[in-house]
Amino acid sequence: MAEKKGNPAFMKPLQPDAALGAIVGTTPLPRTEVVKSLWVYIKKNNLQDAKNKRNINADDKLLPVFGGKKQVSMFEMTKLVSQHLK
């Protein structure tokens, strides 16, 4: 049985723009690491919505990443983050 490999597109390091770089750093990272770093930041700054844990509340650093939205769902977050990676 063949060993399951991760999707190479997800493993390719991408360059965060300035807004996202302020949170995850400015070195190129695979998409998976960018999302992991974002979650570390969200948890450290207590930005998960208390009532609905699937929602993330934006602080000053996340606001530009979230396109100016005060709150996004975790699914919407991954879509918005993609726009900040090259």
N, C-alpha and C. Protein backbone atom coordinates (compact mmCIF):
# COMPACT_ATOMS: atom_id res chain seq x y z
N MET A 1 0.84 -1.20 0.00
CA MET A 1 0.00 0.00 0.00
C MET A 1 0.88 1.26 0.00
N ALA A 2 0.59 2.18 -0.88
CA ALA A 2 1.40 3.39 -1.02
C ALA A 2 1.21 4.30 0.20
N GLU A 3 2.30 4.94 0.59
CA GLU A 3 2.25 5.88 1.71
C GLU A 3 1.56 7.16 1.25
N LYS A 4 0.67 7.68 2.08
CA LYS A 4 -0.05 8.90 1.71
C LYS A 4 0.84 10.12 1.90
N LYS A 5 1.01 10.88 0.86
CA LYS A 5 1.84 12.09 0.90
C LYS A 5 0.93 13.31 1.09
N GLY A 6 1.47 14.34 1.75
CA GLY A 6 0.72 15.58 1.90
C GLY A 6 0.62 16.29 0.56
N ASN A 7 -0.33 17.16 0.41
CA ASN A 7 -0.50 17.92 -0.81
C ASN A 7 0.68 18.87 -0.98
N PRO A 8 1.48 18.70 -2.06
CA PRO A 8 2.67 19.55 -2.22
C PRO A 8 2.34 21.04 -2.31
N ALA A 9 1.16 21.39 -2.81
CA ALA A 9 0.75 22.79 -2.90
C ALA A 9 0.66 23.42 -1.51
N PHE A 10 0.22 22.65 -0.53
CA PHE A 10 0.11 23.15 0.84
C PHE A 10 1.48 23.30 1.50
N MET A 11 2.47 22.53 1.02
CA MET A 11 3.78 22.54 1.64
C MET A 11 4.70 23.61 1.04
N LYS A 12 4.30 24.19 -0.09
CA LYS A 12 5.12 25.20 -0.76
C LYS A 12 5.18 26.48 0.07
N PRO A 13 6.38 26.95 0.43
CA PRO A 13 6.46 28.19 1.21
C PRO A 13 5.93 29.38 0.41
N LEU A 14 5.09 30.17 1.06
CA LEU A 14 4.51 31.36 0.44
C LEU A 14 4.92 32.59 1.24
N GLN A 15 5.03 33.71 0.55
CA GLN A 15 5.47 34.96 1.18
C GLN A 15 4.27 35.72 1.75
N PRO A 16 4.21 35.91 3.08
CA PRO A 16 3.13 36.73 3.65
C PRO A 16 3.35 38.20 3.29
N ASP A 17 2.26 38.93 3.04
CA ASP A 17 2.40 40.37 2.80
C ASP A 17 2.61 41.08 4.15
N ALA A 18 2.72 42.40 4.12
CA ALA A 18 3.04 43.16 5.33
C ALA A 18 2.01 42.96 6.45
N ALA A 19 0.72 42.97 6.10
CA ALA A 19 -0.35 42.83 7.10
C ALA A 19 -0.26 41.48 7.81
N LEU A 20 -0.15 40.41 7.03
CA LEU A 20 -0.06 39.07 7.61
C LEU A 20 1.31 38.86 8.26
N GLY A 21 2.34 39.42 7.66
CA GLY A 21 3.69 39.31 8.19
C GLY A 21 3.82 39.87 9.60
N ALA A 22 3.01 40.87 9.93
CA ALA A 22 3.03 41.46 11.27
C ALA A 22 2.62 40.44 12.33
N ILE A 23 1.91 39.38 11.92
CA ILE A 23 1.43 38.35 12.84
C ILE A 23 2.28 37.09 12.77
N VAL A 24 2.54 36.60 11.56
CA VAL A 24 3.22 35.31 11.40
C VAL A 24 4.70 35.43 11.06
N GLY A 25 5.19 36.64 10.88
CA GLY A 25 6.58 36.85 10.49
C GLY A 25 6.70 37.06 8.99
N THR A 26 7.85 37.53 8.54
CA THR A 26 7.98 37.92 7.14
C THR A 26 8.70 36.88 6.28
N THR A 27 9.12 35.76 6.89
CA THR A 27 9.78 34.72 6.09
C THR A 27 8.74 33.84 5.41
N PRO A 28 9.03 33.35 4.20
CA PRO A 28 8.08 32.46 3.51
C PRO A 28 7.78 31.21 4.33
N LEU A 29 6.51 30.86 4.43
CA LEU A 29 6.06 29.70 5.20
C LEU A 29 5.05 28.90 4.38
N PRO A 30 5.00 27.57 4.60
CA PRO A 30 3.91 26.80 3.99
C PRO A 30 2.57 27.26 4.58
N ARG A 31 1.53 27.16 3.80
CA ARG A 31 0.19 27.58 4.23
C ARG A 31 -0.20 26.96 5.58
N THR A 32 0.16 25.68 5.78
CA THR A 32 -0.19 25.00 7.03
C THR A 32 0.45 25.70 8.22
N GLU A 33 1.71 26.13 8.07
CA GLU A 33 2.42 26.82 9.16
C GLU A 33 1.83 28.21 9.41
N VAL A 34 1.40 28.87 8.34
CA VAL A 34 0.78 30.20 8.48
C VAL A 34 -0.47 30.08 9.34
N VAL A 35 -1.31 29.08 9.04
CA VAL A 35 -2.56 28.88 9.79
C VAL A 35 -2.25 28.51 11.25
N LYS A 36 -1.24 27.64 11.45
CA LYS A 36 -0.83 27.27 12.81
C LYS A 36 -0.40 28.50 13.59
N SER A 37 0.44 29.34 12.98
CA SER A 37 0.93 30.56 13.63
C SER A 37 -0.22 31.51 13.97
N LEU A 38 -1.18 31.60 13.05
CA LEU A 38 -2.36 32.45 13.29
C LEU A 38 -3.12 31.97 14.52
N TRP A 39 -3.31 30.65 14.63
CA TRP A 39 -4.04 30.10 15.78
C TRP A 39 -3.30 30.35 17.08
N VAL A 40 -1.98 30.27 17.05
CA VAL A 40 -1.19 30.57 18.25
C VAL A 40 -1.46 32.03 18.67
N TYR A 41 -1.44 32.93 17.67
CA TYR A 41 -1.68 34.35 17.93
C TYR A 41 -3.10 34.58 18.47
N ILE A 42 -4.09 33.93 17.84
CA ILE A 42 -5.50 34.08 18.23
C ILE A 42 -5.70 33.61 19.67
N LYS A 43 -5.14 32.45 20.01
CA LYS A 43 -5.30 31.92 21.36
C LYS A 43 -4.55 32.77 22.40
N LYS A 44 -3.32 33.19 22.05
CA LYS A 44 -2.51 34.00 22.96
C LYS A 44 -3.21 35.32 23.30
N ASN A 45 -3.89 35.89 22.31
CA ASN A 45 -4.56 37.18 22.51
C ASN A 45 -6.06 37.05 22.80
N ASN A 46 -6.49 35.81 23.03
CA ASN A 46 -7.88 35.54 23.43
C ASN A 46 -8.89 36.14 22.44
N LEU A 47 -8.71 35.85 21.15
CA LEU A 47 -9.55 36.45 20.12
C LEU A 47 -10.67 35.55 19.61
N GLN A 48 -10.77 34.33 20.17
CA GLN A 48 -11.90 33.49 19.79
C GLN A 48 -13.14 34.02 20.49
N ASP A 49 -14.26 34.06 19.77
CA ASP A 49 -15.51 34.55 20.35
C ASP A 49 -15.93 33.64 21.51
N ALA A 50 -16.30 34.23 22.63
CA ALA A 50 -16.66 33.46 23.82
C ALA A 50 -17.91 32.60 23.60
N LYS A 51 -18.91 33.15 22.89
CA LYS A 51 -20.17 32.44 22.67
C LYS A 51 -20.05 31.41 21.56
N ASN A 52 -19.39 31.79 20.46
CA ASN A 52 -19.26 30.89 19.31
C ASN A 52 -17.78 30.75 18.95
N LYS A 53 -17.18 29.65 19.40
CA LYS A 53 -15.73 29.43 19.24
C LYS A 53 -15.29 29.38 17.77
N ARG A 54 -16.25 29.22 16.85
CA ARG A 54 -15.89 29.17 15.42
C ARG A 54 -15.62 30.57 14.87
N ASN A 55 -15.96 31.59 15.64
CA ASN A 55 -15.74 32.97 15.18
C ASN A 55 -14.49 33.55 15.81
N ILE A 56 -13.77 34.34 15.01
CA ILE A 56 -12.55 35.00 15.46
C ILE A 56 -12.81 36.50 15.47
N ASN A 57 -12.51 37.15 16.59
CA ASN A 57 -12.64 38.60 16.69
C ASN A 57 -11.31 39.23 16.28
N ALA A 58 -11.37 40.23 15.43
CA ALA A 58 -10.15 40.88 14.94
C ALA A 58 -9.66 41.92 15.94
N ASP A 59 -8.34 41.94 16.15
CA ASP A 59 -7.73 43.05 16.88
C ASP A 59 -7.10 43.97 15.82
N ASP A 60 -6.33 44.96 16.24
CA ASP A 60 -5.74 45.91 15.28
C ASP A 60 -4.87 45.25 14.23
N LYS A 61 -4.14 44.18 14.61
CA LYS A 61 -3.27 43.49 13.66
C LYS A 61 -4.06 42.62 12.68
N LEU A 62 -5.15 42.00 13.16
CA LEU A 62 -5.93 41.09 12.30
C LEU A 62 -6.90 41.83 11.39
N LEU A 63 -7.30 43.03 11.77
CA LEU A 63 -8.28 43.79 10.98
C LEU A 63 -7.90 43.90 9.50
N PRO A 64 -6.65 44.30 9.16
CA PRO A 64 -6.31 44.38 7.73
C PRO A 64 -6.28 43.00 7.04
N VAL A 65 -5.91 41.96 7.79
CA VAL A 65 -5.89 40.60 7.23
C VAL A 65 -7.31 40.13 6.93
N PHE A 66 -8.24 40.50 7.78
CA PHE A 66 -9.65 40.11 7.62
C PHE A 66 -10.42 41.07 6.73
N GLY A 67 -9.72 41.91 5.99
CA GLY A 67 -10.38 42.83 5.07
C GLY A 67 -11.25 43.86 5.78
N GLY A 68 -10.85 44.25 6.99
CA GLY A 68 -11.58 45.27 7.73
C GLY A 68 -12.77 44.74 8.52
N LYS A 69 -13.02 43.42 8.47
CA LYS A 69 -14.15 42.85 9.22
C LYS A 69 -13.76 42.67 10.69
N LYS A 70 -14.69 43.01 11.59
CA LYS A 70 -14.45 42.90 13.03
C LYS A 70 -14.47 41.44 13.49
N GLN A 71 -15.23 40.60 12.76
CA GLN A 71 -15.34 39.19 13.14
C GLN A 71 -15.53 38.33 11.89
N VAL A 72 -14.82 37.19 11.85
CA VAL A 72 -14.98 36.24 10.74
C VAL A 72 -15.06 34.83 11.31
N SER A 73 -15.62 33.91 10.53
CA SER A 73 -15.63 32.50 10.95
C SER A 73 -14.27 31.91 10.64
N MET A 74 -13.92 30.79 11.27
CA MET A 74 -12.60 30.19 11.03
C MET A 74 -12.47 29.75 9.57
N PHE A 75 -13.59 29.40 8.92
CA PHE A 75 -13.54 28.99 7.51
C PHE A 75 -13.28 30.19 6.61
N GLU A 76 -13.93 31.29 6.94
CA GLU A 76 -13.73 32.53 6.19
C GLU A 76 -12.29 33.03 6.39
N MET A 77 -11.76 32.82 7.59
CA MET A 77 -10.40 33.27 7.90
C MET A 77 -9.38 32.65 6.95
N THR A 78 -9.46 31.34 6.71
CA THR A 78 -8.48 30.69 5.85
C THR A 78 -8.57 31.24 4.42
N LYS A 79 -9.79 31.56 3.97
CA LYS A 79 -9.97 32.14 2.63
C LYS A 79 -9.35 33.55 2.58
N LEU A 80 -9.58 34.35 3.60
CA LEU A 80 -9.04 35.70 3.64
C LEU A 80 -7.53 35.71 3.75
N VAL A 81 -6.97 34.77 4.51
CA VAL A 81 -5.53 34.68 4.70
C VAL A 81 -4.84 34.38 3.37
N SER A 82 -5.47 33.55 2.54
CA SER A 82 -4.89 33.19 1.23
C SER A 82 -4.61 34.42 0.37
N GLN A 83 -5.42 35.46 0.52
CA GLN A 83 -5.24 36.68 -0.25
C GLN A 83 -3.98 37.45 0.18
N HIS A 84 -3.42 37.09 1.33
CA HIS A 84 -2.24 37.78 1.85
C HIS A 84 -0.96 36.96 1.65
N LEU A 85 -1.07 35.88 0.86
CA LEU A 85 0.09 35.04 0.58
C LEU A 85 0.42 35.06 -0.90
N LYS A 86 1.70 35.15 -1.23
CA LYS A 86 2.11 35.17 -2.65
C LYS A 86 3.01 33.98 -2.93
